[in-house]
Amino acid sequence: MIPSDWLMLLVVAATAGVMFYLVRRMMKGMNQQDFILLRQARSRGVDLARPQTVDFVVFAATHESAEEISQLMRGDGFETSLTVAQIQYARNKKRPGAPQDGWLIKGTRTTLLVPEELTRIRAFLNEIALARKAAYLGWQIASSPSAGAPPAAA
């Protein structure tokens, strides 16, 4: 007969294994950053069952490539805006990368925040960015002027 302590440990381990399996299954094909941002949004009380207005951001080194990306994003249903920006890729905490001047392309659209849609959008934005030596940086829930709340992710 198995002692009750071992039985309890077995139940906990089995539960953890099932939870791990379900989370991995839910994340299938999904980027880890997207998964984290969805978790943060949910913890802030965002209703993920309803469409949300979301800002997707791409960084381009030249104005010409920023314009091309913006045009392609508009063709996919985004409202876009361009902003002159300087970013700095962090190599690690002790050695940040050199600042780089360029353009931020913000594409805003209303969408359901579900893995399939985020995966599709990420693939599209990565494809058009990489073809123009740009970088897809991620997304955040657009801040609503009436709500006064900070966006779900940075």
N, C-alpha and C. Protein backbone atom coordinates (compact mmCIF):
# COMPACT_ATOMS: atom_id res chain seq x y z
N MET A 1 0.84 -1.18 0.00
CA MET A 1 0.00 0.00 0.00
C MET A 1 0.89 1.25 0.00
N ILE A 2 0.49 2.26 -0.77
CA ILE A 2 1.27 3.50 -0.89
C ILE A 2 0.91 4.42 0.28
N PRO A 3 1.94 4.96 0.97
CA PRO A 3 1.65 5.91 2.05
C PRO A 3 0.93 7.15 1.49
N SER A 4 0.11 7.79 2.32
CA SER A 4 -0.70 8.92 1.87
C SER A 4 0.15 10.10 1.40
N ASP A 5 1.35 10.28 1.98
CA ASP A 5 2.23 11.38 1.53
C ASP A 5 2.67 11.15 0.09
N TRP A 6 3.00 9.92 -0.23
CA TRP A 6 3.41 9.61 -1.60
C TRP A 6 2.26 9.74 -2.57
N LEU A 7 1.08 9.35 -2.14
CA LEU A 7 -0.10 9.46 -2.97
C LEU A 7 -0.40 10.93 -3.29
N MET A 8 -0.30 11.77 -2.26
CA MET A 8 -0.54 13.21 -2.46
C MET A 8 0.50 13.79 -3.42
N LEU A 9 1.75 13.40 -3.26
CA LEU A 9 2.81 13.87 -4.14
C LEU A 9 2.56 13.43 -5.59
N LEU A 10 2.09 12.21 -5.75
CA LEU A 10 1.77 11.69 -7.08
C LEU A 10 0.63 12.48 -7.72
N VAL A 11 -0.40 12.81 -6.94
CA VAL A 11 -1.54 13.59 -7.44
C VAL A 11 -1.08 14.99 -7.86
N VAL A 12 -0.25 15.62 -7.04
CA VAL A 12 0.27 16.96 -7.37
C VAL A 12 1.11 16.91 -8.64
N ALA A 13 1.98 15.93 -8.76
CA ALA A 13 2.83 15.80 -9.94
C ALA A 13 1.99 15.56 -11.20
N ALA A 14 0.98 14.72 -11.09
CA ALA A 14 0.10 14.46 -12.24
C ALA A 14 -0.66 15.71 -12.64
N THR A 15 -1.15 16.46 -11.66
CA THR A 15 -1.86 17.71 -11.94
C THR A 15 -0.95 18.71 -12.63
N ALA A 16 0.28 18.84 -12.14
CA ALA A 16 1.25 19.75 -12.75
C ALA A 16 1.55 19.33 -14.19
N GLY A 17 1.67 18.04 -14.42
CA GLY A 17 1.92 17.55 -15.77
C GLY A 17 0.78 17.86 -16.72
N VAL A 18 -0.44 17.69 -16.25
CA VAL A 18 -1.62 17.99 -17.07
C VAL A 18 -1.68 19.49 -17.36
N MET A 19 -1.42 20.32 -16.36
CA MET A 19 -1.43 21.78 -16.55
C MET A 19 -0.37 22.20 -17.56
N PHE A 20 0.82 21.63 -17.44
CA PHE A 20 1.90 21.94 -18.37
C PHE A 20 1.49 21.56 -19.80
N TYR A 21 0.89 20.38 -19.95
CA TYR A 21 0.44 19.92 -21.26
C TYR A 21 -0.62 20.87 -21.84
N LEU A 22 -1.58 21.28 -21.02
CA LEU A 22 -2.65 22.16 -21.51
C LEU A 22 -2.12 23.53 -21.91
N VAL A 23 -1.19 24.07 -21.13
CA VAL A 23 -0.61 25.38 -21.47
C VAL A 23 0.18 25.27 -22.77
N ARG A 24 0.99 24.24 -22.93
CA ARG A 24 1.76 24.05 -24.16
C ARG A 24 0.83 23.87 -25.36
N ARG A 25 -0.26 23.16 -25.16
CA ARG A 25 -1.21 22.94 -26.24
C ARG A 25 -1.87 24.26 -26.63
N MET A 26 -2.21 25.08 -25.64
CA MET A 26 -2.83 26.37 -25.89
C MET A 26 -1.87 27.30 -26.64
N MET A 27 -0.57 27.18 -26.34
CA MET A 27 0.44 28.05 -26.95
C MET A 27 0.91 27.54 -28.31
N LYS A 28 0.44 26.39 -28.75
CA LYS A 28 0.95 25.77 -29.96
C LYS A 28 1.03 26.78 -31.11
N GLY A 29 2.23 26.96 -31.64
CA GLY A 29 2.44 27.88 -32.74
C GLY A 29 2.48 29.33 -32.33
N MET A 30 2.32 29.61 -31.07
CA MET A 30 2.26 30.99 -30.61
C MET A 30 3.61 31.43 -30.05
N ASN A 31 3.97 32.67 -30.32
CA ASN A 31 5.19 33.24 -29.80
C ASN A 31 5.10 33.43 -28.29
N GLN A 32 6.20 33.23 -27.60
CA GLN A 32 6.20 33.36 -26.14
C GLN A 32 5.85 34.78 -25.70
N GLN A 33 6.34 35.79 -26.43
CA GLN A 33 6.02 37.18 -26.09
C GLN A 33 4.51 37.41 -26.17
N ASP A 34 3.87 36.89 -27.21
CA ASP A 34 2.42 37.04 -27.35
C ASP A 34 1.70 36.37 -26.19
N PHE A 35 2.15 35.19 -25.82
CA PHE A 35 1.53 34.46 -24.71
C PHE A 35 1.64 35.27 -23.41
N ILE A 36 2.80 35.84 -23.14
CA ILE A 36 3.01 36.64 -21.93
C ILE A 36 2.12 37.87 -21.95
N LEU A 37 2.04 38.56 -23.09
CA LEU A 37 1.20 39.76 -23.19
C LEU A 37 -0.28 39.43 -23.01
N LEU A 38 -0.71 38.28 -23.53
CA LEU A 38 -2.10 37.86 -23.32
C LEU A 38 -2.37 37.60 -21.84
N ARG A 39 -1.43 36.95 -21.18
CA ARG A 39 -1.59 36.70 -19.74
C ARG A 39 -1.67 38.00 -18.96
N GLN A 40 -0.80 38.98 -19.32
CA GLN A 40 -0.82 40.28 -18.65
C GLN A 40 -2.15 41.00 -18.88
N ALA A 41 -2.64 40.95 -20.12
CA ALA A 41 -3.91 41.61 -20.42
C ALA A 41 -5.04 40.98 -19.62
N ARG A 42 -5.06 39.66 -19.57
CA ARG A 42 -6.10 38.95 -18.82
C ARG A 42 -6.02 39.33 -17.34
N SER A 43 -4.81 39.42 -16.79
CA SER A 43 -4.66 39.75 -15.37
C SER A 43 -5.07 41.20 -15.07
N ARG A 44 -5.06 42.06 -16.09
CA ARG A 44 -5.50 43.45 -15.92
C ARG A 44 -6.99 43.62 -16.15
N GLY A 45 -7.67 42.52 -16.39
CA GLY A 45 -9.11 42.57 -16.54
C GLY A 45 -9.61 42.81 -17.95
N VAL A 46 -8.75 42.70 -18.95
CA VAL A 46 -9.17 42.86 -20.34
C VAL A 46 -10.02 41.66 -20.74
N ASP A 47 -11.18 41.91 -21.34
CA ASP A 47 -12.06 40.84 -21.78
C ASP A 47 -11.57 40.34 -23.13
N LEU A 48 -10.85 39.23 -23.15
CA LEU A 48 -10.26 38.70 -24.37
C LEU A 48 -11.29 38.03 -25.28
N ALA A 49 -12.51 37.89 -24.82
CA ALA A 49 -13.56 37.33 -25.66
C ALA A 49 -14.14 38.40 -26.60
N ARG A 50 -13.82 39.66 -26.34
CA ARG A 50 -14.31 40.76 -27.17
C ARG A 50 -13.15 41.32 -27.99
N PRO A 51 -13.42 41.80 -29.19
CA PRO A 51 -12.36 42.42 -30.00
C PRO A 51 -11.74 43.61 -29.27
N GLN A 52 -10.43 43.76 -29.41
CA GLN A 52 -9.69 44.85 -28.77
C GLN A 52 -8.99 45.67 -29.84
N THR A 53 -8.81 46.96 -29.57
CA THR A 53 -8.02 47.81 -30.45
C THR A 53 -6.56 47.63 -30.04
N VAL A 54 -5.75 47.20 -31.00
CA VAL A 54 -4.37 46.81 -30.71
C VAL A 54 -3.41 47.58 -31.61
N ASP A 55 -2.29 48.04 -31.03
CA ASP A 55 -1.21 48.68 -31.78
C ASP A 55 -0.11 47.65 -32.01
N PHE A 56 0.27 47.46 -33.27
CA PHE A 56 1.38 46.59 -33.65
C PHE A 56 2.50 47.50 -34.13
N VAL A 57 3.74 47.26 -33.70
CA VAL A 57 4.83 48.18 -33.98
C VAL A 57 5.97 47.51 -34.73
N VAL A 58 6.43 48.20 -35.79
CA VAL A 58 7.56 47.75 -36.59
C VAL A 58 8.57 48.90 -36.62
N PHE A 59 9.86 48.58 -36.55
CA PHE A 59 10.93 49.58 -36.64
C PHE A 59 11.65 49.41 -37.97
N ALA A 60 11.79 50.53 -38.72
CA ALA A 60 12.51 50.53 -39.99
C ALA A 60 13.61 51.58 -39.94
N ALA A 61 14.74 51.28 -40.55
CA ALA A 61 15.88 52.19 -40.51
C ALA A 61 15.72 53.38 -41.45
N THR A 62 14.97 53.20 -42.54
CA THR A 62 14.83 54.29 -43.51
C THR A 62 13.37 54.68 -43.69
N HIS A 63 13.18 55.92 -44.10
CA HIS A 63 11.83 56.42 -44.34
C HIS A 63 11.17 55.66 -45.49
N GLU A 64 11.95 55.32 -46.51
CA GLU A 64 11.40 54.60 -47.66
C GLU A 64 10.85 53.23 -47.25
N SER A 65 11.63 52.50 -46.48
CA SER A 65 11.15 51.17 -46.05
C SER A 65 9.97 51.32 -45.09
N ALA A 66 9.97 52.36 -44.26
CA ALA A 66 8.84 52.60 -43.36
C ALA A 66 7.57 52.87 -44.16
N GLU A 67 7.68 53.64 -45.23
CA GLU A 67 6.52 53.94 -46.08
C GLU A 67 6.00 52.66 -46.76
N GLU A 68 6.92 51.83 -47.25
CA GLU A 68 6.51 50.57 -47.89
C GLU A 68 5.77 49.67 -46.90
N ILE A 69 6.34 49.53 -45.72
CA ILE A 69 5.72 48.68 -44.69
C ILE A 69 4.36 49.24 -44.31
N SER A 70 4.28 50.55 -44.14
CA SER A 70 3.02 51.19 -43.79
C SER A 70 1.95 50.92 -44.85
N GLN A 71 2.33 51.02 -46.11
CA GLN A 71 1.40 50.77 -47.21
C GLN A 71 0.91 49.31 -47.19
N LEU A 72 1.82 48.37 -46.98
CA LEU A 72 1.44 46.96 -46.91
C LEU A 72 0.53 46.68 -45.71
N MET A 73 0.81 47.33 -44.60
CA MET A 73 -0.04 47.15 -43.42
C MET A 73 -1.44 47.71 -43.67
N ARG A 74 -1.53 48.88 -44.32
CA ARG A 74 -2.84 49.44 -44.65
C ARG A 74 -3.61 48.48 -45.56
N GLY A 75 -2.91 47.83 -46.48
CA GLY A 75 -3.55 46.86 -47.36
C GLY A 75 -4.11 45.66 -46.61
N ASP A 76 -3.61 45.41 -45.40
CA ASP A 76 -4.10 44.30 -44.58
C ASP A 76 -5.08 44.77 -43.50
N GLY A 77 -5.53 46.03 -43.61
CA GLY A 77 -6.56 46.51 -42.69
C GLY A 77 -6.07 47.30 -41.49
N PHE A 78 -4.82 47.65 -41.44
CA PHE A 78 -4.29 48.46 -40.34
C PHE A 78 -4.46 49.95 -40.65
N GLU A 79 -4.68 50.74 -39.62
CA GLU A 79 -4.53 52.19 -39.71
C GLU A 79 -3.11 52.45 -39.24
N THR A 80 -2.32 53.18 -40.04
CA THR A 80 -0.90 53.31 -39.70
C THR A 80 -0.50 54.76 -39.45
N SER A 81 0.58 54.89 -38.69
CA SER A 81 1.22 56.19 -38.49
C SER A 81 2.72 55.96 -38.38
N LEU A 82 3.50 56.95 -38.80
CA LEU A 82 4.96 56.89 -38.76
C LEU A 82 5.48 57.91 -37.77
N THR A 83 6.51 57.52 -37.03
CA THR A 83 7.14 58.40 -36.06
C THR A 83 8.65 58.23 -36.14
N VAL A 84 9.38 59.36 -36.17
CA VAL A 84 10.83 59.28 -36.11
C VAL A 84 11.19 58.76 -34.72
N ALA A 85 12.13 57.84 -34.66
CA ALA A 85 12.46 57.23 -33.37
C ALA A 85 13.93 56.82 -33.33
N GLN A 86 14.38 56.56 -32.13
CA GLN A 86 15.70 55.99 -31.92
C GLN A 86 15.52 54.83 -30.97
N ILE A 87 16.02 53.66 -31.37
CA ILE A 87 15.92 52.50 -30.49
C ILE A 87 17.32 52.00 -30.17
N GLN A 88 17.38 51.20 -29.15
CA GLN A 88 18.65 50.63 -28.72
C GLN A 88 18.38 49.18 -28.34
N TYR A 89 18.92 48.27 -29.14
CA TYR A 89 18.77 46.85 -28.84
C TYR A 89 19.71 46.51 -27.69
N ALA A 90 19.19 45.85 -26.68
CA ALA A 90 20.01 45.48 -25.53
C ALA A 90 20.71 44.15 -25.79
N ARG A 91 22.02 44.17 -25.72
CA ARG A 91 22.78 42.92 -25.85
C ARG A 91 22.67 42.14 -24.53
N ASN A 92 22.86 42.85 -23.46
CA ASN A 92 22.62 42.35 -22.11
C ASN A 92 22.59 43.57 -21.20
N LYS A 93 22.36 43.39 -19.91
CA LYS A 93 22.22 44.52 -19.00
C LYS A 93 23.48 45.36 -18.90
N LYS A 94 24.63 44.74 -19.02
CA LYS A 94 25.89 45.47 -18.85
C LYS A 94 26.37 46.11 -20.15
N ARG A 95 25.95 45.56 -21.31
CA ARG A 95 26.42 46.07 -22.59
C ARG A 95 25.25 46.32 -23.55
N PRO A 96 24.61 47.49 -23.44
CA PRO A 96 23.54 47.78 -24.39
C PRO A 96 24.12 48.03 -25.77
N GLY A 97 23.32 47.81 -26.79
CA GLY A 97 23.75 48.08 -28.15
C GLY A 97 23.79 49.56 -28.44
N ALA A 98 24.32 49.91 -29.59
CA ALA A 98 24.40 51.32 -29.99
C ALA A 98 23.01 51.81 -30.39
N PRO A 99 22.69 53.07 -30.09
CA PRO A 99 21.41 53.62 -30.52
C PRO A 99 21.31 53.63 -32.05
N GLN A 100 20.11 53.43 -32.56
CA GLN A 100 19.89 53.41 -34.00
C GLN A 100 18.70 54.30 -34.32
N ASP A 101 18.92 55.25 -35.25
CA ASP A 101 17.85 56.13 -35.69
C ASP A 101 17.00 55.42 -36.73
N GLY A 102 15.73 55.76 -36.79
CA GLY A 102 14.85 55.15 -37.77
C GLY A 102 13.43 55.63 -37.60
N TRP A 103 12.53 54.78 -37.99
CA TRP A 103 11.10 55.09 -37.98
C TRP A 103 10.32 53.98 -37.31
N LEU A 104 9.36 54.36 -36.48
CA LEU A 104 8.41 53.40 -35.91
C LEU A 104 7.14 53.46 -36.74
N ILE A 105 6.69 52.32 -37.17
CA ILE A 105 5.43 52.21 -37.88
C ILE A 105 4.45 51.58 -36.90
N LYS A 106 3.42 52.33 -36.54
CA LYS A 106 2.40 51.80 -35.64
C LYS A 106 1.17 51.48 -36.48
N GLY A 107 0.79 50.22 -36.47
CA GLY A 107 -0.41 49.79 -37.17
C GLY A 107 -1.47 49.42 -36.15
N THR A 108 -2.61 50.08 -36.24
CA THR A 108 -3.68 49.86 -35.27
C THR A 108 -4.84 49.16 -35.97
N ARG A 109 -5.38 48.17 -35.29
CA ARG A 109 -6.58 47.50 -35.81
C ARG A 109 -7.33 46.88 -34.64
N THR A 110 -8.61 46.62 -34.87
CA THR A 110 -9.42 45.95 -33.87
C THR A 110 -9.46 44.48 -34.24
N THR A 111 -9.10 43.65 -33.27
CA THR A 111 -9.00 42.21 -33.53
C THR A 111 -9.27 41.42 -32.26
N LEU A 112 -9.65 40.18 -32.44
CA LEU A 112 -9.75 39.26 -31.31
C LEU A 112 -8.34 38.82 -30.93
N LEU A 113 -8.02 38.86 -29.67
CA LEU A 113 -6.70 38.44 -29.21
C LEU A 113 -6.72 36.94 -28.93
N VAL A 114 -6.67 36.19 -30.01
CA VAL A 114 -6.64 34.74 -29.92
C VAL A 114 -5.35 34.26 -30.57
N PRO A 115 -4.82 33.11 -30.14
CA PRO A 115 -3.54 32.63 -30.67
C PRO A 115 -3.47 32.58 -32.20
N GLU A 116 -4.53 32.10 -32.84
CA GLU A 116 -4.50 31.97 -34.30
C GLU A 116 -4.32 33.32 -34.98
N GLU A 117 -5.03 34.33 -34.51
CA GLU A 117 -4.94 35.66 -35.14
C GLU A 117 -3.60 36.32 -34.84
N LEU A 118 -3.13 36.21 -33.60
CA LEU A 118 -1.83 36.80 -33.26
C LEU A 118 -0.70 36.12 -34.02
N THR A 119 -0.79 34.82 -34.21
CA THR A 119 0.23 34.09 -34.96
C THR A 119 0.23 34.54 -36.42
N ARG A 120 -0.96 34.70 -36.99
CA ARG A 120 -1.05 35.16 -38.38
C ARG A 120 -0.49 36.57 -38.56
N ILE A 121 -0.86 37.47 -37.65
CA ILE A 121 -0.39 38.85 -37.75
C ILE A 121 1.12 38.91 -37.56
N ARG A 122 1.65 38.17 -36.57
CA ARG A 122 3.10 38.16 -36.33
C ARG A 122 3.83 37.65 -37.57
N ALA A 123 3.33 36.60 -38.19
CA ALA A 123 3.98 36.05 -39.38
C ALA A 123 3.97 37.08 -40.52
N PHE A 124 2.84 37.74 -40.73
CA PHE A 124 2.73 38.76 -41.77
C PHE A 124 3.69 39.91 -41.52
N LEU A 125 3.70 40.44 -40.29
CA LEU A 125 4.55 41.59 -39.99
C LEU A 125 6.04 41.22 -40.02
N ASN A 126 6.38 40.04 -39.53
CA ASN A 126 7.77 39.59 -39.62
C ASN A 126 8.21 39.46 -41.07
N GLU A 127 7.34 38.91 -41.91
CA GLU A 127 7.68 38.72 -43.32
C GLU A 127 7.93 40.05 -44.03
N ILE A 128 7.01 41.02 -43.85
CA ILE A 128 7.21 42.29 -44.56
C ILE A 128 8.36 43.10 -43.95
N ALA A 129 8.60 42.94 -42.65
CA ALA A 129 9.70 43.66 -42.02
C ALA A 129 11.05 43.09 -42.46
N LEU A 130 11.20 41.79 -42.39
CA LEU A 130 12.49 41.17 -42.74
C LEU A 130 12.86 41.43 -44.20
N ALA A 131 11.87 41.46 -45.08
CA ALA A 131 12.14 41.71 -46.50
C ALA A 131 12.67 43.13 -46.73
N ARG A 132 12.47 44.02 -45.75
CA ARG A 132 12.92 45.41 -45.88
C ARG A 132 13.94 45.78 -44.81
N LYS A 133 14.59 44.78 -44.26
CA LYS A 133 15.61 44.97 -43.22
C LYS A 133 15.08 45.80 -42.04
N ALA A 134 13.86 45.49 -41.66
CA ALA A 134 13.21 46.14 -40.53
C ALA A 134 12.97 45.09 -39.45
N ALA A 135 12.33 45.48 -38.36
CA ALA A 135 12.10 44.54 -37.26
C ALA A 135 10.70 44.75 -36.68
N TYR A 136 9.96 43.64 -36.57
CA TYR A 136 8.68 43.67 -35.88
C TYR A 136 8.98 43.66 -34.39
N LEU A 137 8.46 44.65 -33.65
CA LEU A 137 8.78 44.79 -32.23
C LEU A 137 7.74 44.20 -31.30
N GLY A 138 6.49 44.09 -31.75
CA GLY A 138 5.47 43.53 -30.87
C GLY A 138 4.18 44.32 -30.90
N TRP A 139 3.34 44.09 -29.90
CA TRP A 139 2.03 44.73 -29.86
C TRP A 139 1.67 45.12 -28.45
N GLN A 140 0.67 46.00 -28.36
CA GLN A 140 0.09 46.37 -27.08
C GLN A 140 -1.36 46.77 -27.31
N ILE A 141 -2.17 46.60 -26.31
CA ILE A 141 -3.56 47.04 -26.42
C ILE A 141 -3.54 48.56 -26.42
N ALA A 142 -4.22 49.14 -27.40
CA ALA A 142 -4.24 50.60 -27.54
C ALA A 142 -4.89 51.21 -26.31
N SER A 143 -4.32 52.29 -25.83
CA SER A 143 -4.88 52.95 -24.67
C SER A 143 -6.11 53.74 -25.11
N SER A 144 -7.13 53.68 -24.30
CA SER A 144 -8.36 54.38 -24.57
C SER A 144 -8.34 55.69 -23.81
N PRO A 145 -8.55 56.83 -24.49
CA PRO A 145 -8.53 58.11 -23.80
C PRO A 145 -9.55 58.21 -22.67
N SER A 146 -10.70 57.54 -22.84
CA SER A 146 -11.73 57.63 -21.81
C SER A 146 -11.39 56.78 -20.59
N ALA A 147 -10.69 55.68 -20.81
CA ALA A 147 -10.40 54.78 -19.69
C ALA A 147 -9.27 55.31 -18.83
N GLY A 148 -8.30 55.97 -19.42
CA GLY A 148 -7.18 56.49 -18.66
C GLY A 148 -6.25 55.42 -18.12
N ALA A 149 -6.45 54.18 -18.55
CA ALA A 149 -5.62 53.09 -18.06
C ALA A 149 -4.42 52.92 -18.96
N PRO A 150 -3.29 52.44 -18.39
CA PRO A 150 -2.11 52.19 -19.22
C PRO A 150 -2.35 51.01 -20.15
N PRO A 151 -1.60 50.96 -21.28
CA PRO A 151 -1.76 49.82 -22.19
C PRO A 151 -1.38 48.52 -21.51
N ALA A 152 -1.88 47.42 -22.07
CA ALA A 152 -1.66 46.10 -21.47
C ALA A 152 -0.22 45.65 -21.53
N ALA A 153 0.54 46.13 -22.47
CA ALA A 153 1.92 45.68 -22.61
C ALA A 153 2.75 46.78 -23.23
N ALA A 154 4.05 46.70 -22.93
CA ALA A 154 4.95 47.69 -23.51
C ALA A 154 5.76 47.08 -24.59
